[in-house]
PDB file of N, CA and C in Angstrom:
ATOM      1  N   UNK A   1     -10.050  -4.302  16.787  1.00  0.00           N
ATOM      2  CA  UNK A   1      -8.860  -5.120  16.655  1.00  0.00           C
ATOM      3  C   UNK A   1      -9.216  -6.490  16.081  1.00  0.00           C
ATOM      4  N   UNK A   2     -10.411  -6.988  16.398  1.00  0.00           N
ATOM      5  CA  UNK A   2     -10.847  -8.279  15.865  1.00  0.00           C
ATOM      6  C   UNK A   2     -11.015  -8.213  14.352  1.00  0.00           C
ATOM      7  N   UNK A   3     -11.504  -7.077  13.861  1.00  0.00           N
ATOM      8  CA  UNK A   3     -11.672  -6.915  12.408  1.00  0.00           C
ATOM      9  C   UNK A   3     -10.313  -6.941  11.717  1.00  0.00           C
ATOM     10  N   UNK A   4      -9.306  -6.343  12.360  1.00  0.00           N
ATOM     11  CA  UNK A   4      -7.964  -6.347  11.793  1.00  0.00           C
ATOM     12  C   UNK A   4      -7.406  -7.768  11.747  1.00  0.00           C
ATOM     13  N   UNK A   5      -7.646  -8.554  12.784  1.00  0.00           N
ATOM     14  CA  UNK A   5      -7.183  -9.942  12.798  1.00  0.00           C
ATOM     15  C   UNK A   5      -7.878 -10.756  11.714  1.00  0.00           C
ATOM     16  N   UNK A   6      -9.184 -10.524  11.531  1.00  0.00           N
ATOM     17  CA  UNK A   6      -9.921 -11.227  10.477  1.00  0.00           C
ATOM     18  C   UNK A   6      -9.403 -10.826   9.098  1.00  0.00           C
ATOM     19  N   UNK A   7      -9.080  -9.554   8.947  1.00  0.00           N
ATOM     20  CA  UNK A   7      -8.535  -9.063   7.681  1.00  0.00           C
ATOM     21  C   UNK A   7      -7.189  -9.716   7.391  1.00  0.00           C
ATOM     22  N   UNK A   8      -6.343  -9.825   8.410  1.00  0.00           N
ATOM     23  CA  UNK A   8      -5.045 -10.485   8.251  1.00  0.00           C
ATOM     24  C   UNK A   8      -5.222 -11.959   7.898  1.00  0.00           C
ATOM     25  N   UNK A   9      -6.227 -12.605   8.494  1.00  0.00           N
ATOM     26  CA  UNK A   9      -6.465 -14.018   8.190  1.00  0.00           C
ATOM     27  C   UNK A   9      -6.922 -14.186   6.744  1.00  0.00           C
ATOM     28  N   UNK A  10      -7.727 -13.244   6.243  1.00  0.00           N
ATOM     29  CA  UNK A  10      -8.257 -13.370   4.889  1.00  0.00           C
ATOM     30  C   UNK A  10      -7.247 -12.938   3.821  1.00  0.00           C
ATOM     31  N   UNK A  11      -6.578 -11.803   4.045  1.00  0.00           N
ATOM     32  CA  UNK A  11      -5.714 -11.237   3.007  1.00  0.00           C
ATOM     33  C   UNK A  11      -4.225 -11.425   3.272  1.00  0.00           C
ATOM     34  N   UNK A  12      -3.846 -11.782   4.487  1.00  0.00           N
ATOM     35  CA  UNK A  12      -2.454 -12.081   4.803  1.00  0.00           C
ATOM     36  C   UNK A  12      -1.497 -10.931   4.563  1.00  0.00           C
ATOM     37  N   UNK A  13      -0.504 -11.181   3.721  1.00  0.00           N
ATOM     38  CA  UNK A  13       0.571 -10.214   3.487  1.00  0.00           C
ATOM     39  C   UNK A  13       0.075  -8.920   2.844  1.00  0.00           C
ATOM     40  N   UNK A  14      -0.998  -8.998   2.076  1.00  0.00           N
ATOM     41  CA  UNK A  14      -1.525  -7.782   1.452  1.00  0.00           C
ATOM     42  C   UNK A  14      -2.016  -6.819   2.527  1.00  0.00           C
ATOM     43  N   UNK A  15      -2.704  -7.339   3.543  1.00  0.00           N
ATOM     44  CA  UNK A  15      -3.193  -6.490   4.636  1.00  0.00           C
ATOM     45  C   UNK A  15      -2.025  -5.908   5.422  1.00  0.00           C
ATOM     46  N   UNK A  16      -1.029  -6.722   5.683  1.00  0.00           N
ATOM     47  CA  UNK A  16       0.142  -6.255   6.427  1.00  0.00           C
ATOM     48  C   UNK A  16       0.890  -5.187   5.638  1.00  0.00           C
ATOM     49  N   UNK A  17       1.087  -5.414   4.351  1.00  0.00           N
ATOM     50  CA  UNK A  17       1.781  -4.438   3.518  1.00  0.00           C
ATOM     51  C   UNK A  17       0.987  -3.137   3.423  1.00  0.00           C
ATOM     52  N   UNK A  18      -0.319  -3.234   3.307  1.00  0.00           N
ATOM     53  CA  UNK A  18      -1.160  -2.029   3.250  1.00  0.00           C
ATOM     54  C   UNK A  18      -1.015  -1.229   4.535  1.00  0.00           C
ATOM     55  N   UNK A  19      -1.065  -1.910   5.679  1.00  0.00           N
ATOM     56  CA  UNK A  19      -0.911  -1.223   6.964  1.00  0.00           C
ATOM     57  C   UNK A  19       0.457  -0.542   7.061  1.00  0.00           C
ATOM     58  N   UNK A  20       1.507  -1.250   6.661  1.00  0.00           N
ATOM     59  CA  UNK A  20       2.854  -0.682   6.763  1.00  0.00           C
ATOM     60  C   UNK A  20       3.049   0.508   5.823  1.00  0.00           C
ATOM     61  N   UNK A  21       2.475   0.445   4.637  1.00  0.00           N
ATOM     62  CA  UNK A  21       2.573   1.584   3.712  1.00  0.00           C
ATOM     63  C   UNK A  21       1.862   2.795   4.303  1.00  0.00           C
ATOM     64  N   UNK A  22       0.695   2.582   4.885  1.00  0.00           N
ATOM     65  CA  UNK A  22      -0.031   3.690   5.515  1.00  0.00           C
ATOM     66  C   UNK A  22       0.777   4.236   6.691  1.00  0.00           C
ATOM     67  N   UNK A  23       1.389   3.343   7.487  1.00  0.00           N
ATOM     68  CA  UNK A  23       2.185   3.774   8.641  1.00  0.00           C
ATOM     69  C   UNK A  23       3.389   4.610   8.209  1.00  0.00           C
ATOM     70  N   UNK A  24       4.115   4.132   7.208  1.00  0.00           N
ATOM     71  CA  UNK A  24       5.302   4.859   6.736  1.00  0.00           C
ATOM     72  C   UNK A  24       4.894   6.208   6.146  1.00  0.00           C
ATOM     73  N   UNK A  25       3.813   6.225   5.377  1.00  0.00           N
ATOM     74  CA  UNK A  25       3.351   7.490   4.787  1.00  0.00           C
ATOM     75  C   UNK A  25       2.942   8.479   5.876  1.00  0.00           C
ATOM     76  N   UNK A  26       2.289   7.990   6.919  1.00  0.00           N
ATOM     77  CA  UNK A  26       1.887   8.863   8.025  1.00  0.00           C
ATOM     78  C   UNK A  26       3.109   9.394   8.773  1.00  0.00           C
ATOM     79  N   UNK A  27       4.049   8.512   9.086  1.00  0.00           N
ATOM     80  CA  UNK A  27       5.261   8.929   9.786  1.00  0.00           C
ATOM     81  C   UNK A  27       6.034   9.960   8.961  1.00  0.00           C
ATOM     82  N   UNK A  28       6.206   9.686   7.684  1.00  0.00           N
ATOM     83  CA  UNK A  28       6.932  10.618   6.814  1.00  0.00           C
ATOM     84  C   UNK A  28       6.184  11.942   6.687  1.00  0.00           C
ATOM     85  N   UNK A  29       4.877  11.866   6.588  1.00  0.00           N
ATOM     86  CA  UNK A  29       4.080  13.088   6.489  1.00  0.00           C
ATOM     87  C   UNK A  29       4.217  13.965   7.722  1.00  0.00           C
ATOM     88  N   UNK A  30       4.145  13.344   8.892  1.00  0.00           N
ATOM     89  CA  UNK A  30       4.331  14.116  10.121  1.00  0.00           C
ATOM     90  C   UNK A  30       5.748  14.666  10.229  1.00  0.00           C
ATOM     91  N   UNK A  31       6.741  13.881   9.842  1.00  0.00           N
ATOM     92  CA  UNK A  31       8.131  14.360   9.904  1.00  0.00           C
ATOM     93  C   UNK A  31       8.317  15.566   8.994  1.00  0.00           C
ATOM     94  N   UNK A  32       7.757  15.501   7.802  1.00  0.00           N
ATOM     95  CA  UNK A  32       7.869  16.632   6.874  1.00  0.00           C
ATOM     96  C   UNK A  32       7.128  17.847   7.416  1.00  0.00           C
ATOM     97  N   UNK A  33       5.920  17.630   7.903  1.00  0.00           N
ATOM     98  CA  UNK A  33       5.132  18.748   8.434  1.00  0.00           C
ATOM     99  C   UNK A  33       5.807  19.399   9.631  1.00  0.00           C
ATOM    100  N   UNK A  34       6.340  18.581  10.523  1.00  0.00           N
ATOM    101  CA  UNK A  34       7.005  19.127  11.707  1.00  0.00           C
ATOM    102  C   UNK A  34       8.293  19.847  11.297  1.00  0.00           C
ATOM    103  N   UNK A  35       9.031  19.265  10.361  1.00  0.00           N
ATOM    104  CA  UNK A  35      10.281  19.911   9.958  1.00  0.00           C
ATOM    105  C   UNK A  35      10.027  21.231   9.234  1.00  0.00           C
ATOM    106  N   UNK A  36       8.927  21.346   8.553  1.00  0.00           N
ATOM    107  CA  UNK A  36       8.607  22.612   7.889  1.00  0.00           C
ATOM    108  C   UNK A  36       8.158  23.683   8.878  1.00  0.00           C
ATOM    109  N   UNK A  37       7.688  23.226  10.038  1.00  0.00           N
ATOM    110  CA  UNK A  37       7.202  24.179  11.029  1.00  0.00           C
ATOM    111  C   UNK A  37       8.219  24.583  12.069  1.00  0.00           C
ATOM    112  N   UNK A  38       9.291  23.836  12.203  1.00  0.00           N
ATOM    113  CA  UNK A  38      10.292  24.110  13.229  1.00  0.00           C
ATOM    114  C   UNK A  38      11.679  24.153  12.611  1.00  0.00           C
ATOM    115  N   UNK A  39      12.535  24.999  13.158  1.00  0.00           N
ATOM    116  CA  UNK A  39      13.933  25.070  12.726  1.00  0.00           C
ATOM    117  C   UNK A  39      14.741  24.123  13.584  1.00  0.00           C
ATOM    118  N   UNK A  40      15.383  23.114  12.975  1.00  0.00           N
ATOM    119  CA  UNK A  40      16.175  22.137  13.714  1.00  0.00           C
ATOM    120  C   UNK A  40      17.640  22.395  13.413  1.00  0.00           C
ATOM    121  N   UNK A  41      18.429  22.631  14.481  1.00  0.00           N
ATOM    122  CA  UNK A  41      19.827  23.000  14.291  1.00  0.00           C
ATOM    123  C   UNK A  41      20.819  21.980  14.822  1.00  0.00           C
ATOM    124  N   UNK A  42      20.357  20.924  15.477  1.00  0.00           N
ATOM    125  CA  UNK A  42      21.316  20.001  16.081  1.00  0.00           C
ATOM    126  C   UNK A  42      20.868  18.558  15.880  1.00  0.00           C
ATOM    127  N   UNK A  43      21.753  17.637  16.271  1.00  0.00           N
ATOM    128  CA  UNK A  43      21.416  16.218  16.179  1.00  0.00           C
ATOM    129  C   UNK A  43      20.282  15.875  17.131  1.00  0.00           C
ATOM    130  N   UNK A  44      20.252  16.496  18.298  1.00  0.00           N
ATOM    131  CA  UNK A  44      19.158  16.232  19.234  1.00  0.00           C
ATOM    132  C   UNK A  44      17.845  16.737  18.656  1.00  0.00           C
ATOM    133  N   UNK A  45      17.929  17.741  17.808  1.00  0.00           N
ATOM    134  CA  UNK A  45      16.728  18.208  17.128  1.00  0.00           C
ATOM    135  C   UNK A  45      16.180  17.155  16.178  1.00  0.00           C
ATOM    136  N   UNK A  46      17.063  16.397  15.529  1.00  0.00           N
ATOM    137  CA  UNK A  46      16.625  15.318  14.641  1.00  0.00           C
ATOM    138  C   UNK A  46      15.954  14.209  15.431  1.00  0.00           C
ATOM    139  N   UNK A  47      16.515  13.884  16.578  1.00  0.00           N
ATOM    140  CA  UNK A  47      15.883  12.885  17.431  1.00  0.00           C
ATOM    141  C   UNK A  47      14.527  13.400  17.898  1.00  0.00           C
ATOM    142  N   UNK A  48      14.447  14.667  18.210  1.00  0.00           N
ATOM    143  CA  UNK A  48      13.182  15.266  18.608  1.00  0.00           C
ATOM    144  C   UNK A  48      12.165  15.221  17.482  1.00  0.00           C
ATOM    145  N   UNK A  49      12.623  15.432  16.265  1.00  0.00           N
ATOM    146  CA  UNK A  49      11.743  15.378  15.099  1.00  0.00           C
ATOM    147  C   UNK A  49      11.171  13.976  14.924  1.00  0.00           C
ATOM    148  N   UNK A  50      12.051  12.969  14.976  1.00  0.00           N
ATOM    149  CA  UNK A  50      11.574  11.597  14.831  1.00  0.00           C
ATOM    150  C   UNK A  50      10.662  11.180  15.977  1.00  0.00           C
ATOM    151  N   UNK A  51      11.010  11.605  17.190  1.00  0.00           N
ATOM    152  CA  UNK A  51      10.172  11.282  18.347  1.00  0.00           C
ATOM    153  C   UNK A  51       8.796  11.922  18.246  1.00  0.00           C
ATOM    154  N   UNK A  52       8.758  13.191  17.872  1.00  0.00           N
ATOM    155  CA  UNK A  52       7.481  13.880  17.724  1.00  0.00           C
ATOM    156  C   UNK A  52       6.669  13.262  16.593  1.00  0.00           C
ATOM    157  N   UNK A  53       7.333  12.868  15.516  1.00  0.00           N
ATOM    158  CA  UNK A  53       6.637  12.225  14.400  1.00  0.00           C
ATOM    159  C   UNK A  53       6.069  10.883  14.822  1.00  0.00           C
ATOM    160  N   UNK A  54       6.844  10.121  15.595  1.00  0.00           N
ATOM    161  CA  UNK A  54       6.369   8.823  16.060  1.00  0.00           C
ATOM    162  C   UNK A  54       5.160   8.976  16.972  1.00  0.00           C
ATOM    163  N   UNK A  55       5.200   9.953  17.889  1.00  0.00           N
ATOM    164  CA  UNK A  55       4.075  10.172  18.801  1.00  0.00           C
ATOM    165  C   UNK A  55       2.833  10.565  18.009  1.00  0.00           C
ATOM    166  N   UNK A  56       2.985  11.473  17.054  1.00  0.00           N
ATOM    167  CA  UNK A  56       1.839  11.895  16.238  1.00  0.00           C
ATOM    168  C   UNK A  56       1.293  10.716  15.433  1.00  0.00           C
ATOM    169  N   UNK A  57       2.191   9.881  14.915  1.00  0.00           N
ATOM    170  CA  UNK A  57       1.759   8.706  14.159  1.00  0.00           C
ATOM    171  C   UNK A  57       1.029   7.732  15.071  1.00  0.00           C
ATOM    172  N   UNK A  58       1.528   7.557  16.281  1.00  0.00           N
ATOM    173  CA  UNK A  58       0.889   6.646  17.241  1.00  0.00           C
ATOM    174  C   UNK A  58      -0.528   7.129  17.590  1.00  0.00           C
ATOM    175  N   UNK A  59      -0.705   8.432  17.670  1.00  0.00           N
ATOM    176  CA  UNK A  59      -2.029   8.972  17.977  1.00  0.00           C
ATOM    177  C   UNK A  59      -3.037   8.723  16.854  1.00  0.00           C
ATOM    178  N   UNK A  60      -2.543   8.532  15.650  1.00  0.00           N
ATOM    179  CA  UNK A  60      -3.441   8.283  14.518  1.00  0.00           C
ATOM    180  C   UNK A  60      -3.696   6.796  14.278  1.00  0.00           C
ATOM    181  N   UNK A  61      -3.261   5.935  15.171  1.00  0.00           N
ATOM    182  CA  UNK A  61      -3.388   4.489  14.959  1.00  0.00           C
ATOM    183  C   UNK A  61      -4.826   4.047  14.685  1.00  0.00           C
ATOM    184  N   UNK A  62      -5.835   4.511  15.421  1.00  0.00           N
ATOM    185  CA  UNK A  62      -7.200   4.077  15.089  1.00  0.00           C
ATOM    186  C   UNK A  62      -7.616   4.462  13.664  1.00  0.00           C
ATOM    187  N   UNK A  63      -7.183   5.628  13.211  1.00  0.00           N
ATOM    188  CA  UNK A  63      -7.506   6.045  11.847  1.00  0.00           C
ATOM    189  C   UNK A  63      -6.752   5.193  10.825  1.00  0.00           C
ATOM    190  N   UNK A  64      -5.510   4.852  11.131  1.00  0.00           N
ATOM    191  CA  UNK A  64      -4.731   4.019  10.219  1.00  0.00           C
ATOM    192  C   UNK A  64      -5.308   2.617  10.122  1.00  0.00           C
ATOM    193  N   UNK A  65      -5.792   2.077  11.242  1.00  0.00           N
ATOM    194  CA  UNK A  65      -6.425   0.755  11.217  1.00  0.00           C
ATOM    195  C   UNK A  65      -7.702   0.809  10.384  1.00  0.00           C
ATOM    196  N   UNK A  66      -8.495   1.856  10.564  1.00  0.00           N
ATOM    197  CA  UNK A  66      -9.714   2.011   9.760  1.00  0.00           C
ATOM    198  C   UNK A  66      -9.371   2.135   8.277  1.00  0.00           C
ATOM    199  N   UNK A  67      -8.322   2.876   7.977  1.00  0.00           N
ATOM    200  CA  UNK A  67      -7.883   3.005   6.592  1.00  0.00           C
ATOM    201  C   UNK A  67      -7.424   1.678   6.018  1.00  0.00           C
ATOM    202  N   UNK A  68      -6.752   0.891   6.824  1.00  0.00           N
ATOM    203  CA  UNK A  68      -6.304  -0.437   6.390  1.00  0.00           C
ATOM    204  C   UNK A  68      -7.500  -1.337   6.114  1.00  0.00           C
ATOM    205  N   UNK A  69      -8.490  -1.299   7.009  1.00  0.00           N
ATOM    206  CA  UNK A  69      -9.690  -2.115   6.815  1.00  0.00           C
ATOM    207  C   UNK A  69     -10.414  -1.739   5.525  1.00  0.00           C
ATOM    208  N   UNK A  70     -10.419  -0.457   5.206  1.00  0.00           N
ATOM    209  CA  UNK A  70     -11.108   0.006   4.002  1.00  0.00           C
ATOM    210  C   UNK A  70     -10.287  -0.239   2.741  1.00  0.00           C
ATOM    211  N   UNK A  71      -8.975  -0.062   2.819  1.00  0.00           N
ATOM    212  CA  UNK A  71      -8.141  -0.097   1.616  1.00  0.00           C
ATOM    213  C   UNK A  71      -7.701  -1.501   1.209  1.00  0.00           C
ATOM    214  N   UNK A  72      -7.566  -2.418   2.135  1.00  0.00           N
ATOM    215  CA  UNK A  72      -7.014  -3.733   1.817  1.00  0.00           C
ATOM    216  C   UNK A  72      -7.816  -4.484   0.756  1.00  0.00           C
ATOM    217  N   UNK A  73      -9.145  -4.559   0.838  1.00  0.00           N
ATOM    218  CA  UNK A  73      -9.872  -5.260  -0.238  1.00  0.00           C
ATOM    219  C   UNK A  73      -9.663  -4.598  -1.611  1.00  0.00           C
ATOM    220  N   UNK A  74      -9.551  -3.278  -1.629  1.00  0.00           N
ATOM    221  CA  UNK A  74      -9.309  -2.590  -2.895  1.00  0.00           C
ATOM    222  C   UNK A  74      -7.920  -2.898  -3.434  1.00  0.00           C
ATOM    223  N   UNK A  75      -6.927  -2.876  -2.556  1.00  0.00           N
ATOM    224  CA  UNK A  75      -5.552  -3.189  -2.962  1.00  0.00           C
ATOM    225  C   UNK A  75      -5.480  -4.627  -3.472  1.00  0.00           C
ATOM    226  N   UNK A  76      -6.146  -5.555  -2.784  1.00  0.00           N
ATOM    227  CA  UNK A  76      -6.139  -6.960  -3.206  1.00  0.00           C
ATOM    228  C   UNK A  76      -6.789  -7.111  -4.579  1.00  0.00           C
ATOM    229  N   UNK A  77      -7.876  -6.397  -4.825  1.00  0.00           N
ATOM    230  CA  UNK A  77      -8.542  -6.482  -6.126  1.00  0.00           C
ATOM    231  C   UNK A  77      -7.650  -5.945  -7.239  1.00  0.00           C
ATOM    232  N   UNK A  78      -6.971  -4.843  -6.982  1.00  0.00           N
ATOM    233  CA  UNK A  78      -6.070  -4.271  -7.989  1.00  0.00           C
ATOM    234  C   UNK A  78      -4.911  -5.227  -8.264  1.00  0.00           C
ATOM    235  N   UNK A  79      -4.342  -5.803  -7.219  1.00  0.00           N
ATOM    236  CA  UNK A  79      -3.231  -6.746  -7.406  1.00  0.00           C
ATOM    237  C   UNK A  79      -3.667  -7.982  -8.185  1.00  0.00           C
ATOM    238  N   UNK A  80      -4.870  -8.481  -7.899  1.00  0.00           N
ATOM    239  CA  UNK A  80      -5.374  -9.638  -8.649  1.00  0.00           C
ATOM    240  C   UNK A  80      -5.532  -9.290 -10.124  1.00  0.00           C
ATOM    241  N   UNK A  81      -6.030  -8.098 -10.378  1.00  0.00           N
ATOM    242  CA  UNK A  81      -6.235  -7.661 -11.761  1.00  0.00           C
ATOM    243  C   UNK A  81      -4.894  -7.527 -12.489  1.00  0.00           C
ATOM    244  N   UNK A  82      -3.889  -6.992 -11.808  1.00  0.00           N
ATOM    245  CA  UNK A  82      -2.579  -6.822 -12.420  1.00  0.00           C
ATOM    246  C   UNK A  82      -1.860  -8.149 -12.631  1.00  0.00           C
ATOM    247  N   UNK A  83      -2.115  -9.114 -11.777  1.00  0.00           N
ATOM    248  CA  UNK A  83      -1.426 -10.402 -11.858  1.00  0.00           C
ATOM    249  C   UNK A  83      -2.016 -11.324 -12.921  1.00  0.00           C
ATOM    250  N   UNK A  84      -3.251 -11.043 -13.343  1.00  0.00           N
ATOM    251  CA  UNK A  84      -3.846 -11.892 -14.367  1.00  0.00           C
ATOM    252  C   UNK A  84      -3.015 -11.829 -15.634  1.00  0.00           C
ATOM    253  N   UNK A  85      -2.771 -12.980 -16.204  1.00  0.00           N
ATOM    254  CA  UNK A  85      -1.969 -13.033 -17.424  1.00  0.00           C
ATOM    255  C   UNK A  85      -2.770 -12.461 -18.587  1.00  0.00           C
ATOM    256  N   UNK A  86      -2.100 -11.753 -19.469  1.00  0.00           N
ATOM    257  CA  UNK A  86      -2.815 -11.243 -20.632  1.00  0.00           C
ATOM    258  C   UNK A  86      -3.290 -12.403 -21.494  1.00  0.00           C
ATOM    259  N   UNK A  87      -4.388 -12.223 -22.199  1.00  0.00           N
ATOM    260  CA  UNK A  87      -4.885 -13.333 -23.017  1.00  0.00           C
ATOM    261  C   UNK A  87      -3.866 -13.709 -24.094  1.00  0.00           C
ATOM    262  N   UNK A  88      -3.754 -15.004 -24.321  1.00  0.00           N
ATOM    263  CA  UNK A  88      -2.809 -15.468 -25.331  1.00  0.00           C
ATOM    264  C   UNK A  88      -3.438 -15.297 -26.706  1.00  0.00           C
ATOM    265  N   UNK A  89      -2.662 -14.879 -27.673  1.00  0.00           N
ATOM    266  CA  UNK A  89      -3.229 -14.697 -29.011  1.00  0.00           C
ATOM    267  C   UNK A  89      -3.578 -16.044 -29.639  1.00  0.00           C
ATOM    268  N   UNK A  90      -4.562 -16.029 -30.509  1.00  0.00           N
ATOM    269  CA  UNK A  90      -4.973 -17.259 -31.195  1.00  0.00           C
ATOM    270  C   UNK A  90      -3.850 -17.704 -32.128  1.00  0.00           C
ATOM    271  N   UNK A  91      -3.662 -19.010 -32.261  1.00  0.00           N
ATOM    272  CA  UNK A  91      -2.607 -19.484 -33.156  1.00  0.00           C
ATOM    273  C   UNK A  91      -2.950 -19.106 -34.599  1.00  0.00           C
ATOM    274  N   UNK A  92      -1.941 -18.838 -35.398  1.00  0.00           N
ATOM    275  CA  UNK A  92      -2.219 -18.455 -36.785  1.00  0.00           C
ATOM    276  C   UNK A  92      -2.838 -19.620 -37.556  1.00  0.00           C
ATOM    277  N   UNK A  93      -3.718 -19.273 -38.464  1.00  0.00           N
ATOM    278  CA  UNK A  93      -4.341 -20.320 -39.273  1.00  0.00           C
ATOM    279  C   UNK A  93      -3.391 -20.707 -40.404  1.00  0.00           C
ATOM    280  N   UNK A  94      -3.307 -21.991 -40.729  1.00  0.00           N
ATOM    281  CA  UNK A  94      -2.394 -22.401 -41.797  1.00  0.00           C
ATOM    282  C   UNK A  94      -2.927 -21.910 -43.146  1.00  0.00           C
ATOM    283  N   UNK A  95      -2.022 -21.626 -44.059  1.00  0.00           N
ATOM    284  CA  UNK A  95      -2.474 -21.150 -45.360  1.00  0.00           C
ATOM    285  C   UNK A  95      -3.261 -22.253 -46.091  1.00  0.00           C
ATOM    286  N   UNK A  96      -4.255 -21.821 -46.811  1.00  0.00           N
ATOM    287  CA  UNK A  96      -5.079 -22.770 -47.539  1.00  0.00           C
ATOM    288  C   UNK A  96      -4.574 -22.894 -48.982  1.00  0.00           C
ATOM    289  N   UNK A  97      -4.720 -24.080 -49.529  1.00  0.00           N
ATOM    290  CA  UNK A  97      -4.309 -24.301 -50.905  1.00  0.00           C
ATOM    291  C   UNK A  97      -5.251 -23.545 -51.849  1.00  0.00           C
ATOM    292  N   UNK A  98      -4.728 -23.006 -52.930  1.00  0.00           N
ATOM    293  CA  UNK A  98      -5.591 -22.285 -53.855  1.00  0.00           C
ATOM    294  C   UNK A  98      -6.633 -23.220 -54.482  1.00  0.00           C
ATOM    295  N   UNK A  99      -7.803 -22.684 -54.615  1.00  0.00           N
ATOM    296  CA  UNK A  99      -8.871 -23.508 -55.194  1.00  0.00           C
ATOM    297  C   UNK A  99      -8.742 -23.535 -56.715  1.00  0.00           C
ATOM    298  N   UNK A 100      -9.187 -24.607 -57.329  1.00  0.00           N
ATOM    299  CA  UNK A 100      -9.065 -24.777 -58.792  1.00  0.00           C
ATOM    300  C   UNK A 100     -10.360 -24.430 -59.492  1.00  0.00           C
ATOM    301  N   UNK A 101     -11.165 -23.676 -58.941  1.00  0.00           N
ATOM    302  CA  UNK A 101     -12.436 -23.314 -59.571  1.00  0.00           C
ATOM    303  C   UNK A 101     -12.274 -22.323 -60.635  1.00  0.00           C
TER     304      UNK A 101
END
């Protein structure tokens, strides 16, 4: 948990966004997997699906934190690379007067 706090201090919103993207992807993945494995016929079944997905996602929290610790520096590097402005083109050279040679 201390490593996660240090990561948040260094990368800030990038670390938080990386964690949330991993969390949403995990939750959605479990919801899809569970829904493909079970037939849900009622509204209570939908609540059961979300509850089961949340529990499964909660059980993967240590793995998600490890993934965040590993992925955040890479995500930050990619974002820095994308944010760099493209090089500005050199100004055109003025036309030269014809030589009288």
